[in-house]
Amino acid sequence: MPQQMLRSQYGKNRGLPKVNAEVNGAIKSNAKQDIDTAAEKAKEAIDNSDLPEDVKTKAKDAVEKAKEAAKQAIDNATTDADVNTEKKLVNKR
């Protein structure tokens, strides 16, 4: 029903008005801090493992690359929901 009211108000061909949502800068900043913290914990776990040094180095490099990719995705996010989605993905990795 609300959609019908909007359509009749704006015309059938125009559809629903677009909602412009901006990203809250604090949300991006907090997400990046969470990613940094998770990456540091992962690196500590790698350092505390019994893995050979060359494997540790490769694993820590992979963590660093994933961290930078996640931070880039957060920089590119256009809504708070996008930032939160990326944070959830990082937590699953």
PDB file of N, CA and C in Angstrom:
ATOM      1  N   MET A   1       0.804  -1.189   0.000  1.00  0.00           N
ATOM      2  CA  MET A   1       0.000   0.000   0.000  1.00  0.00           C
ATOM      3  C   MET A   1       0.855   1.263   0.000  1.00  0.00           C
ATOM      4  N   PRO A   2       1.894   1.374   0.867  1.00  0.00           N
ATOM      5  CA  PRO A   2       2.725   2.573   0.809  1.00  0.00           C
ATOM      6  C   PRO A   2       3.398   2.745  -0.550  1.00  0.00           C
ATOM      7  N   GLN A   3       3.784   1.622  -1.176  1.00  0.00           N
ATOM      8  CA  GLN A   3       4.404   1.729  -2.497  1.00  0.00           C
ATOM      9  C   GLN A   3       3.419   2.293  -3.505  1.00  0.00           C
ATOM     10  N   GLN A   4       2.174   1.857  -3.407  1.00  0.00           N
ATOM     11  CA  GLN A   4       1.161   2.363  -4.321  1.00  0.00           C
ATOM     12  C   GLN A   4       0.970   3.857  -4.129  1.00  0.00           C
ATOM     13  N   MET A   5       0.990   4.297  -2.886  1.00  0.00           N
ATOM     14  CA  MET A   5       0.829   5.722  -2.619  1.00  0.00           C
ATOM     15  C   MET A   5       2.005   6.503  -3.202  1.00  0.00           C
ATOM     16  N   LEU A   6       3.214   5.978  -3.024  1.00  0.00           N
ATOM     17  CA  LEU A   6       4.381   6.661  -3.568  1.00  0.00           C
ATOM     18  C   LEU A   6       4.344   6.684  -5.087  1.00  0.00           C
ATOM     19  N   ARG A   7       3.950   5.554  -5.659  1.00  0.00           N
ATOM     20  CA  ARG A   7       3.899   5.502  -7.122  1.00  0.00           C
ATOM     21  C   ARG A   7       2.860   6.473  -7.662  1.00  0.00           C
ATOM     22  N   SER A   8       1.724   6.536  -7.004  1.00  0.00           N
ATOM     23  CA  SER A   8       0.709   7.463  -7.503  1.00  0.00           C
ATOM     24  C   SER A   8       1.162   8.906  -7.296  1.00  0.00           C
ATOM     25  N   GLN A   9       1.928   9.141  -6.232  1.00  0.00           N
ATOM     26  CA  GLN A   9       2.415  10.487  -5.963  1.00  0.00           C
ATOM     27  C   GLN A   9       3.507  10.883  -6.956  1.00  0.00           C
ATOM     28  N   TYR A  10       4.387   9.958  -7.312  1.00  0.00           N
ATOM     29  CA  TYR A  10       5.526  10.267  -8.176  1.00  0.00           C
ATOM     30  C   TYR A  10       5.319   9.845  -9.626  1.00  0.00           C
ATOM     31  N   GLY A  11       4.254   9.135  -9.916  1.00  0.00           N
ATOM     32  CA  GLY A  11       4.016   8.681 -11.276  1.00  0.00           C
ATOM     33  C   GLY A  11       4.483   7.246 -11.429  1.00  0.00           C
ATOM     34  N   LYS A  12       3.750   6.464 -12.185  1.00  0.00           N
ATOM     35  CA  LYS A  12       4.060   5.040 -12.318  1.00  0.00           C
ATOM     36  C   LYS A  12       5.430   4.780 -12.918  1.00  0.00           C
ATOM     37  N   ASN A  13       5.871   5.544 -13.849  1.00  0.00           N
ATOM     38  CA  ASN A  13       7.144   5.287 -14.522  1.00  0.00           C
ATOM     39  C   ASN A  13       8.351   5.710 -13.702  1.00  0.00           C
ATOM     40  N   ARG A  14       8.146   6.543 -12.720  1.00  0.00           N
ATOM     41  CA  ARG A  14       9.274   7.040 -11.935  1.00  0.00           C
ATOM     42  C   ARG A  14       9.641   6.102 -10.792  1.00  0.00           C
ATOM     43  N   GLY A  15       8.718   5.277 -10.344  1.00  0.00           N
ATOM     44  CA  GLY A  15       9.004   4.326  -9.279  1.00  0.00           C
ATOM     45  C   GLY A  15       9.219   5.001  -7.941  1.00  0.00           C
ATOM     46  N   LEU A  16       9.848   4.270  -7.051  1.00  0.00           N
ATOM     47  CA  LEU A  16      10.099   4.783  -5.710  1.00  0.00           C
ATOM     48  C   LEU A  16      11.303   5.706  -5.713  1.00  0.00           C
ATOM     49  N   PRO A  17      11.283   6.722  -4.864  1.00  0.00           N
ATOM     50  CA  PRO A  17      12.442   7.618  -4.813  1.00  0.00           C
ATOM     51  C   PRO A  17      13.659   6.889  -4.254  1.00  0.00           C
ATOM     52  N   LYS A  18      14.818   7.255  -4.732  1.00  0.00           N
ATOM     53  CA  LYS A  18      16.065   6.655  -4.282  1.00  0.00           C
ATOM     54  C   LYS A  18      16.426   7.205  -2.906  1.00  0.00           C
ATOM     55  N   VAL A  19      16.895   6.337  -2.054  1.00  0.00           N
ATOM     56  CA  VAL A  19      17.320   6.749  -0.723  1.00  0.00           C
ATOM     57  C   VAL A  19      18.833   6.891  -0.744  1.00  0.00           C
ATOM     58  N   ASN A  20      19.312   8.054  -0.391  1.00  0.00           N
ATOM     59  CA  ASN A  20      20.754   8.279  -0.336  1.00  0.00           C
ATOM     60  C   ASN A  20      21.214   8.123   1.106  1.00  0.00           C
ATOM     61  N   ALA A  21      21.947   7.056   1.359  1.00  0.00           N
ATOM     62  CA  ALA A  21      22.466   6.807   2.705  1.00  0.00           C
ATOM     63  C   ALA A  21      23.966   7.024   2.685  1.00  0.00           C
ATOM     64  N   GLU A  22      24.443   7.803   3.623  1.00  0.00           N
ATOM     65  CA  GLU A  22      25.877   8.052   3.712  1.00  0.00           C
ATOM     66  C   GLU A  22      26.472   7.191   4.812  1.00  0.00           C
ATOM     67  N   VAL A  23      27.750   6.937   4.683  1.00  0.00           N
ATOM     68  CA  VAL A  23      28.443   6.138   5.676  1.00  0.00           C
ATOM     69  C   VAL A  23      28.900   7.037   6.818  1.00  0.00           C
ATOM     70  N   ASN A  24      28.639   6.587   8.013  1.00  0.00           N
ATOM     71  CA  ASN A  24      29.096   7.272   9.211  1.00  0.00           C
ATOM     72  C   ASN A  24      30.600   7.021   9.335  1.00  0.00           C
ATOM     73  N   GLY A  25      31.386   8.080   9.391  1.00  0.00           N
ATOM     74  CA  GLY A  25      32.847   7.950   9.455  1.00  0.00           C
ATOM     75  C   GLY A  25      33.327   7.160  10.656  1.00  0.00           C
ATOM     76  N   ALA A  26      32.623   7.269  11.773  1.00  0.00           N
ATOM     77  CA  ALA A  26      33.014   6.527  12.976  1.00  0.00           C
ATOM     78  C   ALA A  26      32.858   5.027  12.760  1.00  0.00           C
ATOM     79  N   ILE A  27      31.856   4.630  12.001  1.00  0.00           N
ATOM     80  CA  ILE A  27      31.650   3.206  11.732  1.00  0.00           C
ATOM     81  C   ILE A  27      32.819   2.656  10.925  1.00  0.00           C
ATOM     82  N   LYS A  28      33.266   3.410   9.923  1.00  0.00           N
ATOM     83  CA  LYS A  28      34.423   2.969   9.135  1.00  0.00           C
ATOM     84  C   LYS A  28      35.668   2.886  10.007  1.00  0.00           C
ATOM     85  N   SER A  29      35.880   3.887  10.824  1.00  0.00           N
ATOM     86  CA  SER A  29      37.055   3.919  11.690  1.00  0.00           C
ATOM     87  C   SER A  29      37.054   2.742  12.663  1.00  0.00           C
ATOM     88  N   ASN A  30      35.907   2.489  13.283  1.00  0.00           N
ATOM     89  CA  ASN A  30      35.795   1.364  14.213  1.00  0.00           C
ATOM     90  C   ASN A  30      36.003   0.031  13.510  1.00  0.00           C
ATOM     91  N   ALA A  31      35.471  -0.090  12.310  1.00  0.00           N
ATOM     92  CA  ALA A  31      35.637  -1.328  11.553  1.00  0.00           C
ATOM     93  C   ALA A  31      37.108  -1.572  11.237  1.00  0.00           C
ATOM     94  N   LYS A  32      37.814  -0.516  10.861  1.00  0.00           N
ATOM     95  CA  LYS A  32      39.240  -0.661  10.559  1.00  0.00           C
ATOM     96  C   LYS A  32      40.031  -1.044  11.808  1.00  0.00           C
ATOM     97  N   GLN A  33      39.666  -0.471  12.950  1.00  0.00           N
ATOM     98  CA  GLN A  33      40.338  -0.838  14.201  1.00  0.00           C
ATOM     99  C   GLN A  33      40.081  -2.301  14.541  1.00  0.00           C
ATOM    100  N   ASP A  34      38.849  -2.756  14.327  1.00  0.00           N
ATOM    101  CA  ASP A  34      38.521  -4.160  14.576  1.00  0.00           C
ATOM    102  C   ASP A  34      39.337  -5.077  13.674  1.00  0.00           C
ATOM    103  N   ILE A  35      39.514  -4.665  12.431  1.00  0.00           N
ATOM    104  CA  ILE A  35      40.301  -5.458  11.488  1.00  0.00           C
ATOM    105  C   ILE A  35      41.762  -5.498  11.917  1.00  0.00           C
ATOM    106  N   ASP A  36      42.300  -4.358  12.328  1.00  0.00           N
ATOM    107  CA  ASP A  36      43.686  -4.322  12.814  1.00  0.00           C
ATOM    108  C   ASP A  36      43.871  -5.252  14.010  1.00  0.00           C
ATOM    109  N   THR A  37      42.920  -5.210  14.931  1.00  0.00           N
ATOM    110  CA  THR A  37      42.989  -6.053  16.125  1.00  0.00           C
ATOM    111  C   THR A  37      42.941  -7.532  15.753  1.00  0.00           C
ATOM    112  N   ALA A  38      42.028  -7.885  14.862  1.00  0.00           N
ATOM    113  CA  ALA A  38      41.910  -9.282  14.435  1.00  0.00           C
ATOM    114  C   ALA A  38      43.181  -9.747  13.733  1.00  0.00           C
ATOM    115  N   ALA A  39      43.767  -8.880  12.919  1.00  0.00           N
ATOM    116  CA  ALA A  39      44.997  -9.238  12.207  1.00  0.00           C
ATOM    117  C   ALA A  39      46.148  -9.443  13.185  1.00  0.00           C
ATOM    118  N   GLU A  40      46.250  -8.584  14.178  1.00  0.00           N
ATOM    119  CA  GLU A  40      47.320  -8.733  15.175  1.00  0.00           C
ATOM    120  C   GLU A  40      47.162 -10.027  15.964  1.00  0.00           C
ATOM    121  N   LYS A  41      45.923 -10.362  16.321  1.00  0.00           N
ATOM    122  CA  LYS A  41      45.678 -11.618  17.037  1.00  0.00           C
ATOM    123  C   LYS A  41      46.054 -12.815  16.168  1.00  0.00           C
ATOM    124  N   ALA A  42      45.725 -12.741  14.888  1.00  0.00           N
ATOM    125  CA  ALA A  42      46.066 -13.832  13.973  1.00  0.00           C
ATOM    126  C   ALA A  42      47.577 -13.982  13.849  1.00  0.00           C
ATOM    127  N   LYS A  43      48.275 -12.861  13.743  1.00  0.00           N
ATOM    128  CA  LYS A  43      49.736 -12.906  13.638  1.00  0.00           C
ATOM    129  C   LYS A  43      50.366 -13.456  14.914  1.00  0.00           C
ATOM    130  N   GLU A  44      49.825 -13.088  16.070  1.00  0.00           N
ATOM    131  CA  GLU A  44      50.328 -13.620  17.342  1.00  0.00           C
ATOM    132  C   GLU A  44      50.140 -15.132  17.404  1.00  0.00           C
ATOM    133  N   ALA A  45      48.978 -15.596  16.954  1.00  0.00           N
ATOM    134  CA  ALA A  45      48.710 -17.035  16.945  1.00  0.00           C
ATOM    135  C   ALA A  45      49.690 -17.756  16.024  1.00  0.00           C
ATOM    136  N   ILE A  46      49.992 -17.134  14.902  1.00  0.00           N
ATOM    137  CA  ILE A  46      50.962 -17.718  13.969  1.00  0.00           C
ATOM    138  C   ILE A  46      52.337 -17.770  14.620  1.00  0.00           C
ATOM    139  N   ASP A  47      52.743 -16.673  15.251  1.00  0.00           N
ATOM    140  CA  ASP A  47      54.049 -16.627  15.919  1.00  0.00           C
ATOM    141  C   ASP A  47      54.160 -17.665  17.034  1.00  0.00           C
ATOM    142  N   ASN A  48      53.056 -17.919  17.721  1.00  0.00           N
ATOM    143  CA  ASN A  48      53.066 -18.857  18.843  1.00  0.00           C
ATOM    144  C   ASN A  48      52.883 -20.312  18.419  1.00  0.00           C
ATOM    145  N   SER A  49      52.798 -20.548  17.130  1.00  0.00           N
ATOM    146  CA  SER A  49      52.620 -21.914  16.641  1.00  0.00           C
ATOM    147  C   SER A  49      53.974 -22.603  16.468  1.00  0.00           C
ATOM    148  N   ASP A  50      53.918 -23.893  16.196  1.00  0.00           N
ATOM    149  CA  ASP A  50      55.134 -24.678  15.971  1.00  0.00           C
ATOM    150  C   ASP A  50      55.493 -24.765  14.488  1.00  0.00           C
ATOM    151  N   LEU A  51      54.951 -23.889  13.700  1.00  0.00           N
ATOM    152  CA  LEU A  51      55.218 -23.904  12.258  1.00  0.00           C
ATOM    153  C   LEU A  51      56.651 -23.473  11.974  1.00  0.00           C
ATOM    154  N   PRO A  52      57.215 -23.962  10.866  1.00  0.00           N
ATOM    155  CA  PRO A  52      58.542 -23.482  10.462  1.00  0.00           C
ATOM    156  C   PRO A  52      58.486 -21.987  10.130  1.00  0.00           C
ATOM    157  N   GLU A  53      59.610 -21.315  10.264  1.00  0.00           N
ATOM    158  CA  GLU A  53      59.659 -19.859  10.059  1.00  0.00           C
ATOM    159  C   GLU A  53      59.175 -19.434   8.678  1.00  0.00           C
ATOM    160  N   ASP A  54      59.536 -20.186   7.638  1.00  0.00           N
ATOM    161  CA  ASP A  54      59.112 -19.790   6.290  1.00  0.00           C
ATOM    162  C   ASP A  54      57.591 -19.866   6.145  1.00  0.00           C
ATOM    163  N   VAL A  55      56.976 -20.848   6.792  1.00  0.00           N
ATOM    164  CA  VAL A  55      55.518 -20.978   6.746  1.00  0.00           C
ATOM    165  C   VAL A  55      54.872 -19.850   7.558  1.00  0.00           C
ATOM    166  N   LYS A  56      55.470 -19.525   8.701  1.00  0.00           N
ATOM    167  CA  LYS A  56      54.965 -18.415   9.511  1.00  0.00           C
ATOM    168  C   LYS A  56      54.990 -17.112   8.719  1.00  0.00           C
ATOM    169  N   THR A  57      56.091 -16.882   8.018  1.00  0.00           N
ATOM    170  CA  THR A  57      56.227 -15.654   7.227  1.00  0.00           C
ATOM    171  C   THR A  57      55.151 -15.576   6.150  1.00  0.00           C
ATOM    172  N   LYS A  58      54.936 -16.685   5.446  1.00  0.00           N
ATOM    173  CA  LYS A  58      53.909 -16.704   4.398  1.00  0.00           C
ATOM    174  C   LYS A  58      52.517 -16.491   4.990  1.00  0.00           C
ATOM    175  N   ALA A  59      52.263 -17.112   6.124  1.00  0.00           N
ATOM    176  CA  ALA A  59      50.950 -16.973   6.758  1.00  0.00           C
ATOM    177  C   ALA A  59      50.715 -15.535   7.215  1.00  0.00           C
ATOM    178  N   LYS A  60      51.735 -14.924   7.799  1.00  0.00           N
ATOM    179  CA  LYS A  60      51.584 -13.534   8.251  1.00  0.00           C
ATOM    180  C   LYS A  60      51.434 -12.590   7.063  1.00  0.00           C
ATOM    181  N   ASP A  61      52.111 -12.882   5.954  1.00  0.00           N
ATOM    182  CA  ASP A  61      51.932 -12.078   4.742  1.00  0.00           C
ATOM    183  C   ASP A  61      50.496 -12.187   4.230  1.00  0.00           C
ATOM    184  N   ALA A  62      49.936 -13.395   4.294  1.00  0.00           N
ATOM    185  CA  ALA A  62      48.550 -13.596   3.851  1.00  0.00           C
ATOM    186  C   ALA A  62      47.580 -12.823   4.745  1.00  0.00           C
ATOM    187  N   VAL A  63      47.853 -12.817   6.046  1.00  0.00           N
ATOM    188  CA  VAL A  63      47.015 -12.049   6.977  1.00  0.00           C
ATOM    189  C   VAL A  63      47.087 -10.563   6.634  1.00  0.00           C
ATOM    190  N   GLU A  64      48.287 -10.088   6.367  1.00  0.00           N
ATOM    191  CA  GLU A  64      48.473  -8.666   6.035  1.00  0.00           C
ATOM    192  C   GLU A  64      47.731  -8.293   4.748  1.00  0.00           C
ATOM    193  N   LYS A  65      47.814  -9.159   3.739  1.00  0.00           N
ATOM    194  CA  LYS A  65      47.107  -8.894   2.479  1.00  0.00           C
ATOM    195  C   LYS A  65      45.595  -8.880   2.695  1.00  0.00           C
ATOM    196  N   ALA A  66      45.105  -9.828   3.483  1.00  0.00           N
ATOM    197  CA  ALA A  66      43.664  -9.881   3.765  1.00  0.00           C
ATOM    198  C   ALA A  66      43.224  -8.644   4.538  1.00  0.00           C
ATOM    199  N   LYS A  67      44.065  -8.201   5.464  1.00  0.00           N
ATOM    200  CA  LYS A  67      43.752  -7.000   6.249  1.00  0.00           C
ATOM    201  C   LYS A  67      43.644  -5.785   5.333  1.00  0.00           C
ATOM    202  N   GLU A  68      44.609  -5.623   4.443  1.00  0.00           N
ATOM    203  CA  GLU A  68      44.590  -4.475   3.531  1.00  0.00           C
ATOM    204  C   GLU A  68      43.396  -4.535   2.581  1.00  0.00           C
ATOM    205  N   ALA A  69      43.057  -5.735   2.106  1.00  0.00           N
ATOM    206  CA  ALA A  69      41.898  -5.881   1.214  1.00  0.00           C
ATOM    207  C   ALA A  69      40.606  -5.520   1.946  1.00  0.00           C
ATOM    208  N   ALA A  70      40.499  -5.948   3.186  1.00  0.00           N
ATOM    209  CA  ALA A  70      39.299  -5.635   3.973  1.00  0.00           C
ATOM    210  C   ALA A  70      39.193  -4.137   4.231  1.00  0.00           C
ATOM    211  N   LYS A  71      40.312  -3.512   4.545  1.00  0.00           N
ATOM    212  CA  LYS A  71      40.293  -2.065   4.792  1.00  0.00           C
ATOM    213  C   LYS A  71      39.943  -1.300   3.514  1.00  0.00           C
ATOM    214  N   GLN A  72      40.417  -1.786   2.378  1.00  0.00           N
ATOM    215  CA  GLN A  72      40.076  -1.151   1.104  1.00  0.00           C
ATOM    216  C   GLN A  72      38.581  -1.290   0.830  1.00  0.00           C
ATOM    217  N   ALA A  73      38.035  -2.463   1.122  1.00  0.00           N
ATOM    218  CA  ALA A  73      36.595  -2.675   0.927  1.00  0.00           C
ATOM    219  C   ALA A  73      35.790  -1.738   1.823  1.00  0.00           C
ATOM    220  N   ILE A  74      36.275  -1.512   3.024  1.00  0.00           N
ATOM    221  CA  ILE A  74      35.590  -0.580   3.928  1.00  0.00           C
ATOM    222  C   ILE A  74      35.695   0.843   3.395  1.00  0.00           C
ATOM    223  N   ASP A  75      36.860   1.207   2.878  1.00  0.00           N
ATOM    224  CA  ASP A  75      37.005   2.538   2.273  1.00  0.00           C
ATOM    225  C   ASP A  75      36.037   2.723   1.111  1.00  0.00           C
ATOM    226  N   ASN A  76      35.800   1.649   0.359  1.00  0.00           N
ATOM    227  CA  ASN A  76      34.931   1.716  -0.813  1.00  0.00           C
ATOM    228  C   ASN A  76      33.448   1.601  -0.466  1.00  0.00           C
ATOM    229  N   ALA A  77      33.135   1.232   0.764  1.00  0.00           N
ATOM    230  CA  ALA A  77      31.738   1.052   1.172  1.00  0.00           C
ATOM    231  C   ALA A  77      30.988   2.375   1.072  1.00  0.00           C
ATOM    232  N   THR A  78      29.758   2.285   0.615  1.00  0.00           N
ATOM    233  CA  THR A  78      28.952   3.493   0.437  1.00  0.00           C
ATOM    234  C   THR A  78      27.833   3.613   1.463  1.00  0.00           C
ATOM    235  N   THR A  79      27.611   2.558   2.241  1.00  0.00           N
ATOM    236  CA  THR A  79      26.596   2.613   3.296  1.00  0.00           C
ATOM    237  C   THR A  79      27.127   1.929   4.548  1.00  0.00           C
ATOM    238  N   ASP A  80      26.502   2.220   5.672  1.00  0.00           N
ATOM    239  CA  ASP A  80      26.868   1.551   6.924  1.00  0.00           C
ATOM    240  C   ASP A  80      26.664   0.047   6.806  1.00  0.00           C
ATOM    241  N   ALA A  81      25.616  -0.355   6.098  1.00  0.00           N
ATOM    242  CA  ALA A  81      25.339  -1.782   5.920  1.00  0.00           C
ATOM    243  C   ALA A  81      26.486  -2.461   5.171  1.00  0.00           C
ATOM    244  N   ASP A  82      27.052  -1.786   4.168  1.00  0.00           N
ATOM    245  CA  ASP A  82      28.193  -2.343   3.435  1.00  0.00           C
ATOM    246  C   ASP A  82      29.387  -2.537   4.367  1.00  0.00           C
ATOM    247  N   VAL A  83      29.629  -1.570   5.240  1.00  0.00           N
ATOM    248  CA  VAL A  83      30.739  -1.669   6.196  1.00  0.00           C
ATOM    249  C   VAL A  83      30.508  -2.855   7.125  1.00  0.00           C
ATOM    250  N   ASN A  84      29.296  -2.978   7.643  1.00  0.00           N
ATOM    251  CA  ASN A  84      28.988  -4.077   8.559  1.00  0.00           C
ATOM    252  C   ASN A  84      29.080  -5.431   7.871  1.00  0.00           C
ATOM    253  N   THR A  85      28.686  -5.494   6.609  1.00  0.00           N
ATOM    254  CA  THR A  85      28.810  -6.735   5.852  1.00  0.00           C
ATOM    255  C   THR A  85      30.269  -7.132   5.720  1.00  0.00           C
ATOM    256  N   GLU A  86      31.126  -6.182   5.412  1.00  0.00           N
ATOM    257  CA  GLU A  86      32.558  -6.475   5.278  1.00  0.00           C
ATOM    258  C   GLU A  86      33.144  -6.935   6.607  1.00  0.00           C
ATOM    259  N   LYS A  87      32.738  -6.307   7.696  1.00  0.00           N
ATOM    260  CA  LYS A  87      33.220  -6.730   9.017  1.00  0.00           C
ATOM    261  C   LYS A  87      32.830  -8.180   9.288  1.00  0.00           C
ATOM    262  N   LYS A  88      31.606  -8.552   8.933  1.00  0.00           N
ATOM    263  CA  LYS A  88      31.156  -9.933   9.141  1.00  0.00           C
ATOM    264  C   LYS A  88      31.980 -10.897   8.300  1.00  0.00           C
ATOM    265  N   LEU A  89      32.290 -10.507   7.075  1.00  0.00           N
ATOM    266  CA  LEU A  89      33.103 -11.363   6.209  1.00  0.00           C
ATOM    267  C   LEU A  89      34.497 -11.557   6.785  1.00  0.00           C
ATOM    268  N   VAL A  90      35.072 -10.502   7.322  1.00  0.00           N
ATOM    269  CA  VAL A  90      36.409 -10.587   7.918  1.00  0.00           C
ATOM    270  C   VAL A  90      36.385 -11.534   9.108  1.00  0.00           C
ATOM    271  N   ASN A  91      35.344 -11.448   9.911  1.00  0.00           N
ATOM    272  CA  ASN A  91      35.254 -12.309  11.088  1.00  0.00           C
ATOM    273  C   ASN A  91      35.102 -13.780  10.724  1.00  0.00           C
ATOM    274  N   LYS A  92      34.596 -14.068   9.525  1.00  0.00           N
ATOM    275  CA  LYS A  92      34.449 -15.453   9.077  1.00  0.00           C
ATOM    276  C   LYS A  92      35.739 -16.008   8.485  1.00  0.00           C
ATOM    277  N   ARG A  93      36.650 -15.133   8.076  1.00  0.00           N
ATOM    278  CA  ARG A  93      37.878 -15.591   7.417  1.00  0.00           C
ATOM    279  C   ARG A  93      38.849 -16.180   8.387  1.00  0.00           C
TER     280      ARG A  93
END
